[in-house]
Protein backbone atom coordinates (compact mmCIF):
# COMPACT_ATOMS: atom_id res chain seq x y z
CA MET A 1 48.95 2.75 37.28
CA SER A 2 51.01 1.55 34.51
CA VAL A 3 50.05 0.19 31.37
CA ASP A 4 51.91 -1.02 28.60
CA VAL A 5 50.62 0.54 25.65
CA GLU A 6 52.88 -1.01 22.61
CA ALA A 7 50.11 -3.02 21.37
CA LEU A 8 47.68 -0.38 21.44
CA THR A 9 49.52 1.99 19.96
CA ALA A 10 50.40 -0.16 17.15
CA THR A 11 46.64 -0.63 16.67
CA VAL A 12 45.19 2.74 16.58
CA ARG A 13 45.47 5.69 14.23
CA GLY A 14 45.51 8.12 16.74
CA PRO A 15 47.90 9.42 19.33
CA VAL A 16 48.16 7.17 22.70
CA LEU A 17 49.03 9.18 25.23
CA GLN A 18 50.10 8.59 29.16
CA PRO A 19 51.15 11.35 31.76
CA GLY A 20 54.15 13.17 31.02
CA SER A 21 53.92 12.76 27.08
CA ASP A 22 53.68 15.25 24.85
CA GLY A 23 49.85 16.24 24.35
CA TYR A 24 48.42 14.81 27.60
CA ASP A 25 47.33 17.77 29.05
CA GLU A 26 45.91 19.29 26.32
CA GLU A 27 44.00 15.76 25.34
CA ARG A 28 42.52 15.43 28.76
CA ALA A 29 41.41 19.19 28.69
CA GLY A 30 37.68 19.93 28.65
CA PHE A 31 35.19 22.60 29.08
CA GLN A 32 34.95 21.95 33.09
CA ALA A 33 37.36 23.43 34.36
CA GLY A 34 36.89 22.45 38.14
CA PHE A 35 38.23 19.09 37.53
CA GLN A 36 39.74 16.88 34.97
CA HIS A 37 40.51 13.28 33.89
CA ARG A 38 43.82 11.98 34.30
CA PRO A 39 44.02 8.51 33.14
CA ALA A 40 46.40 6.27 32.71
CA VAL A 41 46.45 6.35 28.82
CA ILE A 42 44.21 8.09 26.05
CA VAL A 43 43.33 7.00 23.16
CA GLY A 44 42.43 10.14 20.97
CA ALA A 45 40.65 8.42 18.73
CA THR A 46 40.35 9.19 15.08
CA GLY A 47 37.27 7.01 14.00
CA ALA A 48 35.48 3.65 14.92
CA GLU A 49 38.13 1.27 14.55
CA ASP A 50 40.28 3.11 17.13
CA VAL A 51 37.55 3.35 19.92
CA ARG A 52 36.79 -1.03 19.18
CA ALA A 53 40.74 -0.98 19.63
CA ALA A 54 40.69 0.77 22.71
CA VAL A 55 37.41 -0.63 24.14
CA ARG A 56 39.08 -4.32 23.73
CA PHE A 57 42.43 -3.38 25.20
CA ALA A 58 40.53 -1.79 28.07
CA ALA A 59 38.55 -4.92 28.56
CA GLU A 60 41.06 -7.20 28.41
CA ARG A 61 43.15 -5.71 31.15
CA GLY A 62 39.93 -5.28 33.09
CA LEU A 63 40.49 -1.30 33.04
CA PRO A 64 37.45 0.86 33.54
CA VAL A 65 36.95 3.33 30.33
CA ALA A 66 35.90 7.09 30.41
CA VAL A 67 34.59 9.14 27.11
CA HIS A 68 35.74 12.62 26.77
CA SER A 69 34.61 14.74 23.41
CA THR A 70 34.22 18.56 25.17
CA GLY A 71 34.43 17.88 28.52
CA HIS A 72 31.22 19.40 29.36
CA GLY A 73 30.02 16.86 31.24
CA ILE A 74 32.68 15.29 33.26
CA VAL A 75 30.74 13.25 36.29
CA THR A 76 33.51 11.29 37.84
CA ALA A 77 37.09 11.81 36.49
CA LEU A 78 39.03 8.97 36.17
CA ASP A 79 42.33 9.84 38.06
CA GLY A 80 45.52 7.89 38.01
CA GLU A 81 43.51 4.26 36.44
CA GLY A 82 41.85 3.45 33.25
CA VAL A 83 41.55 4.27 29.65
CA LEU A 84 40.25 7.75 28.47
CA ILE A 85 38.71 7.43 24.98
CA SER A 86 39.29 11.19 23.11
CA THR A 87 36.63 11.60 20.39
CA ARG A 88 36.97 14.83 19.55
CA ARG A 89 38.87 14.36 16.39
CA MET A 90 35.27 11.89 15.20
CA THR A 91 33.62 15.43 13.57
CA GLY A 92 31.49 13.68 10.41
CA ILE A 93 28.43 15.50 9.68
CA GLU A 94 26.26 14.22 6.74
CA VAL A 95 23.42 15.54 6.12
CA ASP A 96 20.52 13.99 4.21
CA ALA A 97 18.00 16.92 3.30
CA GLU A 98 15.87 14.69 1.22
CA ASN A 99 14.42 12.67 4.51
CA ARG A 100 15.28 15.49 6.72
CA THR A 101 18.17 13.65 8.82
CA VAL A 102 21.72 14.08 9.86
CA ARG A 103 24.22 11.24 10.48
CA ILE A 104 26.74 12.98 13.46
CA GLU A 105 29.78 11.35 14.70
CA ALA A 106 31.17 11.40 18.13
CA GLY A 107 33.12 14.29 18.85
CA ALA A 108 30.93 17.01 17.20
CA ARG A 109 29.30 20.15 18.44
CA TRP A 110 26.06 21.36 18.16
CA GLY A 111 26.98 24.73 16.62
CA GLN A 112 29.06 22.54 13.77
CA VAL A 113 25.63 20.68 13.16
CA ILE A 114 24.00 23.75 12.55
CA GLU A 115 26.39 24.94 9.93
CA LYS A 116 25.57 21.79 7.67
CA THR A 117 22.17 22.00 8.53
CA ALA A 118 21.04 25.73 7.91
CA PRO A 119 21.86 26.17 4.26
CA HIS A 120 19.11 23.34 3.70
CA GLY A 121 16.54 25.23 5.97
CA LEU A 122 17.02 22.70 8.36
CA ALA A 123 17.69 23.23 12.06
CA PRO A 124 18.29 20.00 15.00
CA LEU A 125 17.08 19.57 18.40
CA ASN A 126 20.03 21.65 19.84
CA GLY A 127 20.21 22.88 23.12
CA SER A 128 21.29 26.12 24.44
CA ALA A 129 24.87 26.03 23.81
CA PRO A 130 26.45 25.64 20.42
CA HIS A 131 29.55 24.48 21.85
CA VAL A 132 28.40 21.20 23.45
CA GLY A 133 28.83 17.70 22.43
CA VAL A 134 26.02 15.90 20.49
CA VAL A 135 26.36 12.69 21.66
CA GLY A 136 26.40 13.24 25.20
CA TYR A 137 23.72 15.57 25.13
CA LEU A 138 21.52 12.87 23.33
CA LEU A 139 22.46 10.23 25.57
CA GLY A 140 21.15 12.68 28.51
CA GLY A 141 17.89 13.37 27.05
CA GLY A 142 18.32 16.64 25.13
CA THR A 143 16.24 19.66 26.37
CA GLY A 144 15.97 21.55 23.45
CA ILE A 145 15.47 25.39 22.84
CA MET A 146 12.00 23.99 20.54
CA GLY A 147 11.42 21.31 23.01
CA ARG A 148 7.84 22.20 23.84
CA GLU A 149 7.15 22.05 20.19
CA PHE A 150 8.66 19.08 19.47
CA GLY A 151 9.91 16.88 22.49
CA TYR A 152 13.04 15.35 24.18
CA SER A 153 15.80 15.87 21.46
CA CYS A 154 16.19 11.89 21.96
CA ASP A 155 13.08 11.42 21.14
CA HIS A 156 14.09 12.14 17.60
CA LEU A 157 16.87 9.60 17.43
CA ARG A 158 17.25 7.31 14.43
CA SER A 159 19.91 5.24 15.29
CA VAL A 160 23.16 4.98 16.98
CA ASP A 161 26.46 3.29 16.53
CA LEU A 162 28.00 1.64 19.36
CA VAL A 163 30.97 -0.58 20.66
CA THR A 164 30.05 -2.29 23.95
CA ALA A 165 32.41 -3.45 26.30
CA ASP A 166 33.14 -6.50 24.13
CA GLY A 167 34.44 -4.42 21.43
CA THR A 168 31.48 -5.56 19.52
CA PRO A 169 30.03 -2.85 17.16
CA HIS A 170 26.38 -2.22 16.99
CA HIS A 171 23.84 -0.54 14.95
CA VAL A 172 21.35 0.16 17.20
CA THR A 173 17.81 1.11 16.11
CA ALA A 174 14.15 1.15 17.78
CA ASP A 175 13.88 -1.72 15.95
CA SER A 176 17.21 -3.92 15.68
CA ASP A 177 17.16 -3.94 19.41
CA PRO A 178 14.23 -1.74 21.34
CA ASP A 179 15.45 -2.44 25.16
CA LEU A 180 19.01 -1.30 24.08
CA PHE A 181 17.43 1.78 22.07
CA TRP A 182 15.58 2.50 24.79
CA ALA A 183 18.12 2.48 27.30
CA LEU A 184 20.64 4.62 25.01
CA CYS A 185 17.78 7.46 24.81
CA GLY A 186 18.20 8.90 27.91
CA GLY A 187 20.54 6.46 29.92
CA ALA A 188 23.80 8.27 29.83
CA GLY A 189 26.92 6.67 28.63
CA ASN A 190 26.58 3.28 30.38
CA PHE A 191 26.52 0.86 27.72
CA GLY A 192 28.87 1.48 25.60
CA VAL A 193 31.01 4.15 23.70
CA VAL A 194 28.63 5.80 20.67
CA THR A 195 31.10 6.53 17.51
CA ALA A 196 27.67 8.24 15.74
CA VAL A 197 24.22 8.94 15.60
CA GLU A 198 21.51 9.90 13.43
CA THR A 199 18.67 11.87 13.61
CA ASP A 200 15.70 14.01 12.97
CA LEU A 201 15.75 17.55 11.56
CA PHE A 202 13.06 19.98 11.28
CA PRO A 203 11.94 22.67 8.32
CA VAL A 204 13.08 25.91 10.98
CA ALA A 205 15.35 28.50 8.95
CA ARG A 206 14.49 31.46 11.17
CA PHE A 207 12.73 32.62 14.17
CA TYR A 208 11.64 35.00 16.66
CA GLY A 209 13.59 34.57 20.10
CA GLY A 210 16.89 36.12 21.55
CA GLY A 211 16.52 37.95 25.29
CA LEU A 212 15.01 40.26 28.04
CA TYR A 213 17.55 41.55 30.54
CA PHE A 214 15.93 43.51 33.13
CA GLU A 215 18.02 44.83 36.69
CA ALA A 216 16.08 42.38 39.36
CA ASP A 217 15.56 45.06 42.11
CA ASP A 218 12.50 42.65 43.44
CA PRO A 219 13.42 39.04 42.10
CA VAL A 220 10.21 37.45 43.16
CA GLU A 221 7.86 39.95 41.44
CA VAL A 222 9.81 39.18 38.24
CA LEU A 223 9.50 35.51 38.70
CA ARG A 224 5.98 35.72 39.47
CA ALA A 225 5.36 37.75 36.12
CA TYR A 226 7.47 35.04 34.37
CA ARG A 227 5.52 32.09 35.86
CA GLU A 228 2.05 33.69 34.99
CA TRP A 229 3.30 34.21 31.74
CA THR A 230 4.19 31.13 30.81
CA LEU A 231 0.61 29.81 31.69
CA THR A 232 -0.56 32.01 28.36
CA VAL A 233 2.03 30.50 25.60
CA PRO A 234 1.84 28.35 22.94
CA GLU A 235 3.73 25.05 22.34
CA GLN A 236 5.87 27.16 19.71
CA LEU A 237 7.16 28.82 22.54
CA THR A 238 10.01 27.25 24.60
CA SER A 239 11.68 29.67 27.19
CA SER A 240 13.61 30.13 30.25
CA ILE A 241 14.46 32.81 32.64
CA GLY A 242 17.69 32.75 34.81
CA MET A 243 19.05 35.11 37.54
CA MET A 244 22.63 36.03 38.55
CA PHE A 245 24.75 38.74 39.92
CA TYR A 246 27.17 39.89 36.89
CA PRO A 247 30.95 40.61 37.32
CA PRO A 248 32.35 43.31 36.40
CA MET A 249 34.05 41.04 33.98
CA PRO A 250 34.62 42.36 30.47
CA VAL A 251 33.70 38.48 29.05
CA PHE A 252 30.19 40.02 29.86
CA PRO A 253 28.29 42.82 28.36
CA LYS A 254 28.98 45.99 29.76
CA GLU A 255 25.53 47.15 30.28
CA LEU A 256 25.13 43.87 33.03
CA GLN A 257 28.11 44.11 34.75
CA GLY A 258 28.09 44.60 38.55
CA ARG A 259 24.24 44.09 38.41
CA TYR A 260 21.65 41.40 39.88
CA VAL A 261 20.00 40.62 36.40
CA ALA A 262 17.16 38.57 35.29
CA GLU A 263 17.25 37.55 31.88
CA VAL A 264 14.42 35.74 29.97
CA ARG A 265 15.53 33.94 26.71
CA VAL A 266 12.88 32.98 24.01
CA VAL A 267 12.38 30.94 20.88
CA PHE A 268 9.17 31.14 19.15
CA ASN A 269 8.68 29.02 15.90
CA GLY A 270 6.82 31.30 14.19
CA ALA A 271 6.09 34.96 12.71
CA ALA A 272 7.97 37.72 14.09
CA ALA A 273 4.09 39.69 14.54
CA GLU A 274 2.87 36.95 16.44
CA GLY A 275 6.20 36.99 18.65
CA GLU A 276 6.00 40.50 19.49
CA ARG A 277 2.44 40.10 20.39
CA LEU A 278 2.72 37.25 22.68
CA VAL A 279 6.40 38.48 24.31
CA ALA A 280 4.46 42.48 24.99
CA PRO A 281 3.76 41.14 28.96
CA LEU A 282 7.21 40.58 29.67
CA ARG A 283 8.42 44.01 28.30
CA THR A 284 6.02 45.29 31.24
CA ILE A 285 8.38 43.61 33.94
CA GLY A 286 10.21 47.00 33.60
CA PRO A 287 13.11 48.70 32.03
CA ARG A 288 15.26 46.51 29.73
CA LEU A 289 19.26 46.51 29.88
CA ILE A 290 19.49 44.68 26.89
CA ASP A 291 16.40 43.68 24.17
CA SER A 292 17.51 41.49 21.65
CA LEU A 293 13.97 39.85 20.78
CA ARG A 294 14.03 39.84 16.63
CA GLU A 295 13.61 37.24 14.15
CA MET A 296 16.97 35.46 13.24
CA PRO A 297 18.79 33.12 10.88
CA TYR A 298 18.58 29.82 12.59
CA GLU A 299 22.73 29.66 12.59
CA ASP A 300 22.02 32.65 15.28
CA ALA A 301 20.75 30.07 17.34
CA GLY A 302 23.44 30.46 20.07
CA SER A 303 22.78 34.44 20.30
CA VAL A 304 19.93 33.25 22.45
CA TYR A 305 21.74 32.21 25.61
CA HIS A 306 24.81 33.44 25.10
CA ASP A 307 26.18 30.48 27.35
CA PRO A 308 30.11 31.15 28.10
CA ASP A 309 32.20 29.42 26.13
CA PHE A 310 35.17 29.76 27.91
CA SER A 311 36.76 26.97 29.95
CA HIS A 312 35.43 27.74 33.95
CA PRO A 313 34.56 25.44 37.01
CA TYR A 314 31.13 24.86 37.79
CA PHE A 315 28.95 23.14 40.12
CA GLY A 316 25.19 22.49 39.66
CA GLY A 317 21.80 20.56 39.75
CA ASN A 318 18.41 20.39 39.11
CA VAL A 319 14.92 19.44 40.11
CA LEU A 320 11.84 18.60 37.63
CA LEU A 321 9.05 20.63 39.17
CA ARG A 322 5.19 19.97 38.38
CA GLU A 323 4.16 23.31 38.84
CA LEU A 324 5.80 26.65 40.33
CA ASP A 325 3.77 27.60 42.79
CA PRO A 326 3.89 30.88 43.65
CA SER A 327 4.59 30.17 47.31
CA ALA A 328 7.82 28.35 46.38
CA LEU A 329 9.28 31.60 44.81
CA GLN A 330 10.12 33.69 47.91
CA THR A 331 11.51 30.85 49.58
CA LEU A 332 13.86 30.18 45.99
CA VAL A 333 14.87 33.84 46.25
CA ASP A 334 15.85 33.70 49.80
CA LEU A 335 18.12 30.88 49.63
CA ALA A 336 19.45 31.29 46.43
CA GLY A 337 19.01 34.83 45.40
CA PRO A 338 21.06 37.81 45.56
CA GLY A 339 21.33 38.06 49.20
CA SER A 340 22.17 34.48 49.68
CA ALA A 341 25.53 33.30 51.43
CA ILE A 342 26.72 30.81 48.25
CA PRO A 343 26.54 32.79 45.44
CA CYS A 344 23.79 30.88 42.86
CA ILE A 345 22.64 31.16 39.38
CA ILE A 346 19.16 30.72 39.52
CA ASP A 347 17.50 28.94 35.73
CA ILE A 348 14.11 27.96 35.24
CA ARG A 349 12.82 26.27 31.92
CA HIS A 350 9.37 25.98 30.77
CA LEU A 351 8.35 22.48 30.01
CA GLY A 352 5.15 21.03 29.35
CA GLY A 353 3.94 20.81 25.69
CA ALA A 354 5.47 17.93 23.43
CA PHE A 355 8.12 17.45 26.68
CA SER A 356 5.28 15.79 28.20
CA ARG A 357 3.99 13.42 25.59
CA PRO A 358 5.08 9.70 25.06
CA PRO A 359 7.45 9.98 21.98
CA ALA A 360 6.94 7.64 19.07
CA HIS A 361 9.68 5.34 20.49
CA PRO A 362 9.80 4.59 24.11
CA SER A 363 12.79 6.18 26.06
CA ALA A 364 14.52 6.13 29.48
CA VAL A 365 13.69 9.53 30.00
CA GLY A 366 11.38 10.31 32.94
CA GLY A 367 9.73 13.09 34.91
CA ARG A 368 7.68 13.98 32.11
CA ASP A 369 4.51 15.32 33.59
CA ALA A 370 7.29 18.08 34.97
CA GLN A 371 6.28 21.56 33.85
CA TYR A 372 9.60 23.19 34.91
CA ILE A 373 13.30 22.52 35.36
CA LEU A 374 14.34 24.35 38.36
CA ARG A 375 18.29 24.47 38.41
CA VAL A 376 21.03 26.59 40.56
CA MET A 377 24.17 26.30 39.76
CA THR A 378 27.57 28.07 41.03
CA GLY A 379 30.45 28.86 38.85
CA GLY A 380 34.26 29.33 40.02
CA SER A 381 32.95 29.91 43.65
CA PRO A 382 35.96 30.02 46.20
CA ALA A 383 33.69 28.56 48.62
CA PRO A 384 33.98 25.01 49.69
CA ALA A 385 32.22 22.35 48.05
CA ASP A 386 30.42 21.03 51.13
CA ALA A 387 29.00 24.71 51.60
CA VAL A 388 28.11 24.73 47.73
CA ARG A 389 26.66 21.34 47.86
CA SER A 390 24.80 21.82 51.12
CA ALA A 391 23.37 25.90 49.84
CA HIS A 392 21.65 23.69 46.89
CA GLN A 393 20.42 21.09 48.36
CA ARG A 394 18.51 23.63 50.93
CA VAL A 395 16.72 24.82 47.73
CA TYR A 396 15.96 21.17 46.38
CA ASP A 397 14.59 20.12 49.94
CA ALA A 398 12.33 23.29 49.88
CA MET A 399 10.75 21.93 46.59
CA LYS A 400 10.25 18.38 47.33
CA GLN A 401 6.48 18.63 47.59
CA TRP A 402 6.22 19.68 43.31
CA THR A 403 9.45 17.27 42.74
CA VAL A 404 9.00 14.80 40.23
CA GLY A 405 12.88 13.84 39.29
CA ARG A 406 15.66 15.21 38.20
CA SER A 407 16.96 16.24 34.77
CA LEU A 408 20.27 14.05 33.67
CA ASN A 409 21.20 17.15 31.26
CA PHE A 410 21.54 19.69 33.92
CA VAL A 411 23.60 17.73 36.62
CA TYR A 412 27.01 19.06 36.99
CA HIS A 413 29.07 17.34 39.75
CA ASP A 414 32.15 18.42 41.35
CA GLY A 415 34.17 15.55 40.82
CA THR A 416 33.52 13.17 43.91
CA PRO A 417 32.15 9.65 43.53
CA VAL A 418 28.36 9.91 42.65
CA ASP A 419 26.60 7.20 45.22
CA GLU A 420 23.55 5.02 43.45
CA GLU A 421 20.89 7.36 45.14
CA GLN A 422 21.72 9.97 43.38
CA VAL A 423 21.73 8.11 39.97
CA ARG A 424 18.34 6.59 40.76
CA GLU A 425 16.82 10.27 41.14
CA LEU A 426 17.61 10.70 37.37
CA PHE A 427 15.27 7.67 36.47
CA ASP A 428 11.71 6.79 37.21
CA ALA A 429 11.74 3.70 39.57
CA ASP A 430 11.07 1.08 36.80
CA ALA A 431 13.19 2.61 33.98
CA TYR A 432 15.99 2.35 36.46
CA GLU A 433 15.38 -1.35 37.17
CA ARG A 434 15.41 -2.03 33.51
CA LEU A 435 18.51 0.14 32.65
CA ALA A 436 20.21 -2.24 35.51
CA ARG A 437 18.92 -5.04 33.50
CA ILE A 438 20.49 -4.00 30.08
CA LYS A 439 23.80 -2.95 31.75
CA ALA A 440 24.09 -6.21 33.18
CA LEU A 441 23.97 -7.51 29.49
CA HIS A 442 26.18 -5.46 27.65
CA ASP A 443 28.63 -4.43 30.68
CA PRO A 444 28.53 -6.52 33.10
CA ASP A 445 31.75 -5.86 35.01
CA ASN A 446 30.99 -2.33 34.79
CA LEU A 447 33.83 -0.70 32.37
CA PHE A 448 31.95 2.19 31.55
CA ARG A 449 31.47 3.67 35.31
CA PHE A 450 32.40 7.09 34.90
CA THR A 451 29.09 8.36 33.74
CA HIS A 452 25.80 8.67 35.82
CA ASN A 453 26.61 4.81 36.49
CA ILE A 454 23.81 2.32 36.70
CA LYS A 455 25.48 -0.78 38.13
CA PRO A 456 24.84 -3.81 36.37
CA ALA A 457 21.58 -6.25 37.80
CA GLU A 458 22.77 -8.68 40.00
CA GLY A 459 21.86 -12.03 39.09
CA ASN A 460 21.25 -11.94 35.21
């Protein structure tokens, strides 16, 4: 697609790039290496005015718009058409320590936010990976590492600065526009381009946490032990368990290389002595390959999960489970454990607590009766995509009787078009219909469709 960008170049401060121009490939690159956007035009936005100009330019020409910060959450690649707005230059962060809030521009990452808030003894409700972008995470709900105590991260949003499909800026709050604010809290990037958010901070300077890594000779027994333990812990403790084979690569700790490992990650907002008491049953699972549990400053929160910070291809999804039924554990291991034909990573995160309670302001996040998220992922697999999808789907099918939905934050597509049925599974039925009506008001031409796309309701 050939697009005349002369008028756009004269309007924005940031770079305007087209295929073949210097910097084009670098600008479109992201954390997800399995597939990438290849748009007709990239705008490297330096601020909200650049975003407004880019959206107006696209709308006037009927071009679709995608948004790109870190590139973790690419859903469907914008290929050969449309405008990609890169927000990675928009990294402003303003901390209001007195009111325990922070204003964050659209390109900032959680690690950058923590650097600004930690000196005040305050913490944001970030996820496990500090290199993830703030805005995409919040638009998906935000399943944070302290979520059992504080709830979904979007439950604590104060405001969202948004450019809608007509190029109009909005400062959206629960009071100024309850419907749109509700939709932005968990409805993904369907309603415009977010240029900044304001969200709550919490008085957490230190916590007890880290990881316990075991060689999982009997994965089912390890999962059973973890499940039983989660039934005993207080809301101040949020945890997960992951299982995977660690290839002999220097990016991984030497103790884990060449082993099938179960890793339990813990974040406890309380005294270290009480944390030690709470995790004592886990240490009886078996000898630890690594035991990193300790009291630590919140600046070290990223060390709990040690999520890979290097670009790589990955594909996966999840189901929200009302319970982790003991009878399902053997099936899970049979389908996705060390003997499965397709290499899989199993990840189970403990929900409940504040995750299950209604927030102060309503949001589009559904499945709040879930007690666990079960994720299945495959990274860098040489297997054909169809085989990987089928292997994962067999796991989800086996869990249907306990499934209450899916989490938008943990859906990692493979670049193929996402159909409406897949998107509907991410929301409660009534919520989806409401989202579609709000979409019709703010983006009737479905300009923002390269996301978990909610199509505009007809007849509005």
